[in-house]
């Protein structure tokens, strides 16, 4: 392993960029999915988190092209980062309004796809900041 890692994050913009977040949560790339993927809660009537099958299937069926094009761009970014960057960590954020559905699914899907395509033994982690914050503070 070359000491590099890829971190993906999800969060909701209605709460701001994770209040009280340490400076280590500075994003290198941010994908705001609010205008790319219709809200499963308000449009689809799905009242579940992005970890649940119904939300994932909704997003896969409504945003297949966006997910594929975004992945191709992220793959390009990862390839260039591996070849050219001295940074040890690549940080990619996905945002949506609440941080419970679209951003969660997108971060999870992109992490799965990155893990499946990179040949290096690079850890790829996902953290859901809004979900973690709400669990800690009952926001």
C-alpha atoms as a PDB file:
ATOM      1  CA  UNK A   1       0.000   0.000   0.000  1.00  0.00           C
ATOM      2  CA  UNK A   2       1.233   3.492  -0.799  1.00  0.00           C
ATOM      3  CA  UNK A   3      -0.234   5.194   2.293  1.00  0.00           C
ATOM      4  CA  UNK A   4      -3.021   6.873   0.347  1.00  0.00           C
ATOM      5  CA  UNK A   5      -6.727   6.685   1.140  1.00  0.00           C
ATOM      6  CA  UNK A   6     -10.004   7.846  -0.340  1.00  0.00           C
ATOM      7  CA  UNK A   7     -12.723   9.208   1.913  1.00  0.00           C
ATOM      8  CA  UNK A   8     -16.281   9.832   0.786  1.00  0.00           C
ATOM      9  CA  UNK A   9     -18.753  11.818   2.856  1.00  0.00           C
ATOM     10  CA  UNK A  10     -22.469  12.526   2.754  1.00  0.00           C
ATOM     11  CA  UNK A  11     -24.152  15.458   4.421  1.00  0.00           C
ATOM     12  CA  UNK A  12     -27.226  17.646   4.352  1.00  0.00           C
ATOM     13  CA  UNK A  13     -26.787  21.281   3.397  1.00  0.00           C
ATOM     14  CA  UNK A  14     -29.726  22.477   5.471  1.00  0.00           C
ATOM     15  CA  UNK A  15     -27.523  21.943   8.532  1.00  0.00           C
ATOM     16  CA  UNK A  16     -24.480  23.694   7.066  1.00  0.00           C
ATOM     17  CA  UNK A  17     -21.141  21.996   6.611  1.00  0.00           C
ATOM     18  CA  UNK A  18     -21.294  19.830   9.708  1.00  0.00           C
ATOM     19  CA  UNK A  19     -21.311  22.327  12.580  1.00  0.00           C
ATOM     20  CA  UNK A  20     -18.187  22.111  14.684  1.00  0.00           C
ATOM     21  CA  UNK A  21     -16.422  19.885  12.163  1.00  0.00           C
ATOM     22  CA  UNK A  22     -12.670  19.720  12.564  1.00  0.00           C
ATOM     23  CA  UNK A  23     -10.601  21.157   9.752  1.00  0.00           C
ATOM     24  CA  UNK A  24      -9.766  17.635   8.565  1.00  0.00           C
ATOM     25  CA  UNK A  25     -13.224  17.595   6.939  1.00  0.00           C
ATOM     26  CA  UNK A  26     -12.247  20.014   4.204  1.00  0.00           C
ATOM     27  CA  UNK A  27     -13.505  18.729   0.883  1.00  0.00           C
ATOM     28  CA  UNK A  28     -11.437  18.528  -2.258  1.00  0.00           C
ATOM     29  CA  UNK A  29     -14.503  17.767  -4.399  1.00  0.00           C
ATOM     30  CA  UNK A  30     -18.188  18.397  -3.688  1.00  0.00           C
ATOM     31  CA  UNK A  31     -21.116  16.979  -5.645  1.00  0.00           C
ATOM     32  CA  UNK A  32     -24.435  18.622  -4.799  1.00  0.00           C
ATOM     33  CA  UNK A  33     -27.110  16.148  -5.871  1.00  0.00           C
ATOM     34  CA  UNK A  34     -30.154  18.301  -5.052  1.00  0.00           C
ATOM     35  CA  UNK A  35     -30.700  19.332  -8.668  1.00  0.00           C
ATOM     36  CA  UNK A  36     -29.469  16.098 -10.246  1.00  0.00           C
ATOM     37  CA  UNK A  37     -31.683  13.599  -8.427  1.00  0.00           C
ATOM     38  CA  UNK A  38     -35.295  14.153  -7.411  1.00  0.00           C
ATOM     39  CA  UNK A  39     -35.933  13.843  -3.690  1.00  0.00           C
ATOM     40  CA  UNK A  40     -37.268  10.364  -2.823  1.00  0.00           C
ATOM     41  CA  UNK A  41     -39.032  11.841   0.207  1.00  0.00           C
ATOM     42  CA  UNK A  42     -40.932  14.710  -1.428  1.00  0.00           C
ATOM     43  CA  UNK A  43     -41.390  13.225  -4.913  1.00  0.00           C
ATOM     44  CA  UNK A  44     -41.489   9.505  -4.262  1.00  0.00           C
ATOM     45  CA  UNK A  45     -43.071   9.518  -0.816  1.00  0.00           C
ATOM     46  CA  UNK A  46     -40.313   7.270   0.525  1.00  0.00           C
ATOM     47  CA  UNK A  47     -39.761   7.819   4.245  1.00  0.00           C
ATOM     48  CA  UNK A  48     -36.566   5.844   4.813  1.00  0.00           C
ATOM     49  CA  UNK A  49     -32.833   6.420   5.089  1.00  0.00           C
ATOM     50  CA  UNK A  50     -30.387   6.071   2.239  1.00  0.00           C
ATOM     51  CA  UNK A  51     -29.215   2.796   3.743  1.00  0.00           C
ATOM     52  CA  UNK A  52     -32.526   1.141   2.929  1.00  0.00           C
ATOM     53  CA  UNK A  53     -33.230  -0.770  -0.272  1.00  0.00           C
ATOM     54  CA  UNK A  54     -36.249   1.320  -1.349  1.00  0.00           C
ATOM     55  CA  UNK A  55     -34.241   4.551  -1.421  1.00  0.00           C
ATOM     56  CA  UNK A  56     -31.295   2.977  -3.213  1.00  0.00           C
ATOM     57  CA  UNK A  57     -33.588   1.462  -5.855  1.00  0.00           C
ATOM     58  CA  UNK A  58     -35.420   4.784  -6.316  1.00  0.00           C
ATOM     59  CA  UNK A  59     -32.146   6.603  -6.933  1.00  0.00           C
ATOM     60  CA  UNK A  60     -30.747   3.888  -9.198  1.00  0.00           C
ATOM     61  CA  UNK A  61     -33.897   3.960 -11.305  1.00  0.00           C
ATOM     62  CA  UNK A  62     -34.164   7.784 -11.484  1.00  0.00           C
ATOM     63  CA  UNK A  63     -30.513   8.781 -11.799  1.00  0.00           C
ATOM     64  CA  UNK A  64     -28.711   6.005 -13.658  1.00  0.00           C
ATOM     65  CA  UNK A  65     -27.129   8.335 -16.242  1.00  0.00           C
ATOM     66  CA  UNK A  66     -26.091  10.912 -13.637  1.00  0.00           C
ATOM     67  CA  UNK A  67     -24.528   8.214 -11.458  1.00  0.00           C
ATOM     68  CA  UNK A  68     -22.588   6.767 -14.399  1.00  0.00           C
ATOM     69  CA  UNK A  69     -21.322  10.139 -15.636  1.00  0.00           C
ATOM     70  CA  UNK A  70     -20.385  11.201 -12.124  1.00  0.00           C
ATOM     71  CA  UNK A  71     -18.541   7.942 -11.549  1.00  0.00           C
ATOM     72  CA  UNK A  72     -16.585   8.379 -14.798  1.00  0.00           C
ATOM     73  CA  UNK A  73     -15.551  11.859 -13.640  1.00  0.00           C
ATOM     74  CA  UNK A  74     -14.580  10.579 -10.174  1.00  0.00           C
ATOM     75  CA  UNK A  75     -12.596   7.751 -11.760  1.00  0.00           C
ATOM     76  CA  UNK A  76     -10.740  10.377 -13.811  1.00  0.00           C
ATOM     77  CA  UNK A  77     -10.075  12.386 -10.627  1.00  0.00           C
ATOM     78  CA  UNK A  78      -8.864   9.328  -8.726  1.00  0.00           C
ATOM     79  CA  UNK A  79      -6.560   8.241 -11.549  1.00  0.00           C
ATOM     80  CA  UNK A  80      -4.993  11.707 -11.733  1.00  0.00           C
ATOM     81  CA  UNK A  81      -4.710  11.948  -7.941  1.00  0.00           C
ATOM     82  CA  UNK A  82      -2.912   8.583  -7.815  1.00  0.00           C
ATOM     83  CA  UNK A  83      -0.472   9.616 -10.536  1.00  0.00           C
ATOM     84  CA  UNK A  84       0.145  13.254  -9.704  1.00  0.00           C
ATOM     85  CA  UNK A  85      -0.785  14.209  -6.161  1.00  0.00           C
ATOM     86  CA  UNK A  86       1.369  14.209  -3.060  1.00  0.00           C
ATOM     87  CA  UNK A  87      -1.776  14.415  -0.921  1.00  0.00           C
ATOM     88  CA  UNK A  88      -2.289  11.256   1.123  1.00  0.00           C
ATOM     89  CA  UNK A  89      -6.077  11.539   1.267  1.00  0.00           C
ATOM     90  CA  UNK A  90      -8.634  12.307  -1.411  1.00  0.00           C
ATOM     91  CA  UNK A  91     -11.874  13.668   0.093  1.00  0.00           C
ATOM     92  CA  UNK A  92     -15.102  13.674  -1.881  1.00  0.00           C
ATOM     93  CA  UNK A  93     -18.412  14.999  -0.542  1.00  0.00           C
ATOM     94  CA  UNK A  94     -21.965  14.352  -1.692  1.00  0.00           C
ATOM     95  CA  UNK A  95     -24.584  16.792  -0.442  1.00  0.00           C
ATOM     96  CA  UNK A  96     -28.346  16.915  -0.574  1.00  0.00           C
ATOM     97  CA  UNK A  97     -30.915  18.861   1.435  1.00  0.00           C
ATOM     98  CA  UNK A  98     -31.297  16.655   4.493  1.00  0.00           C
ATOM     99  CA  UNK A  99     -28.325  14.316   4.249  1.00  0.00           C
ATOM    100  CA  UNK A 100     -30.353  11.148   4.780  1.00  0.00           C
ATOM    101  CA  UNK A 101     -31.204   9.801   1.335  1.00  0.00           C
ATOM    102  CA  UNK A 102     -29.617  11.021  -1.911  1.00  0.00           C
ATOM    103  CA  UNK A 103     -26.184  11.932  -0.588  1.00  0.00           C
ATOM    104  CA  UNK A 104     -26.002   8.712   1.443  1.00  0.00           C
ATOM    105  CA  UNK A 105     -26.836   6.517  -1.540  1.00  0.00           C
ATOM    106  CA  UNK A 106     -24.459   8.404  -3.841  1.00  0.00           C
ATOM    107  CA  UNK A 107     -21.533   8.186  -1.406  1.00  0.00           C
ATOM    108  CA  UNK A 108     -22.164   4.458  -0.884  1.00  0.00           C
ATOM    109  CA  UNK A 109     -22.494   3.686  -4.592  1.00  0.00           C
ATOM    110  CA  UNK A 110     -19.403   5.667  -5.546  1.00  0.00           C
ATOM    111  CA  UNK A 111     -17.371   3.974  -2.796  1.00  0.00           C
ATOM    112  CA  UNK A 112     -18.474   0.553  -4.058  1.00  0.00           C
ATOM    113  CA  UNK A 113     -17.562   1.436  -7.637  1.00  0.00           C
ATOM    114  CA  UNK A 114     -14.195   2.953  -6.692  1.00  0.00           C
ATOM    115  CA  UNK A 115     -13.300  -0.144  -4.645  1.00  0.00           C
ATOM    116  CA  UNK A 116     -14.227  -2.350  -7.609  1.00  0.00           C
ATOM    117  CA  UNK A 117     -12.094  -0.447 -10.126  1.00  0.00           C
ATOM    118  CA  UNK A 118      -8.878   0.667  -8.464  1.00  0.00           C
ATOM    119  CA  UNK A 119      -6.101  -1.897  -8.597  1.00  0.00           C
ATOM    120  CA  UNK A 120      -4.086  -0.450  -5.766  1.00  0.00           C
ATOM    121  CA  UNK A 121      -4.646  -1.548  -2.215  1.00  0.00           C
ATOM    122  CA  UNK A 122      -6.117   1.815  -1.248  1.00  0.00           C
ATOM    123  CA  UNK A 123      -8.681   2.024   1.566  1.00  0.00           C
ATOM    124  CA  UNK A 124     -11.968   3.635   0.558  1.00  0.00           C
ATOM    125  CA  UNK A 125     -14.137   4.743   3.474  1.00  0.00           C
ATOM    126  CA  UNK A 126     -17.553   6.379   3.744  1.00  0.00           C
ATOM    127  CA  UNK A 127     -18.814   8.600   6.540  1.00  0.00           C
ATOM    128  CA  UNK A 128     -22.344   9.986   6.724  1.00  0.00           C
ATOM    129  CA  UNK A 129     -21.830  13.245   8.599  1.00  0.00           C
ATOM    130  CA  UNK A 130     -25.443  14.388   9.008  1.00  0.00           C
ATOM    131  CA  UNK A 131     -26.577  10.967  10.162  1.00  0.00           C
ATOM    132  CA  UNK A 132     -23.675  10.775  12.628  1.00  0.00           C
ATOM    133  CA  UNK A 133     -24.346  14.317  13.896  1.00  0.00           C
ATOM    134  CA  UNK A 134     -28.045  13.634  14.446  1.00  0.00           C
ATOM    135  CA  UNK A 135     -27.297  10.415  16.314  1.00  0.00           C
ATOM    136  CA  UNK A 136     -25.006  12.315  18.672  1.00  0.00           C
ATOM    137  CA  UNK A 137     -27.086  15.441  19.244  1.00  0.00           C
ATOM    138  CA  UNK A 138     -30.675  14.493  18.335  1.00  0.00           C
ATOM    139  CA  UNK A 139     -30.901  17.399  15.876  1.00  0.00           C
END
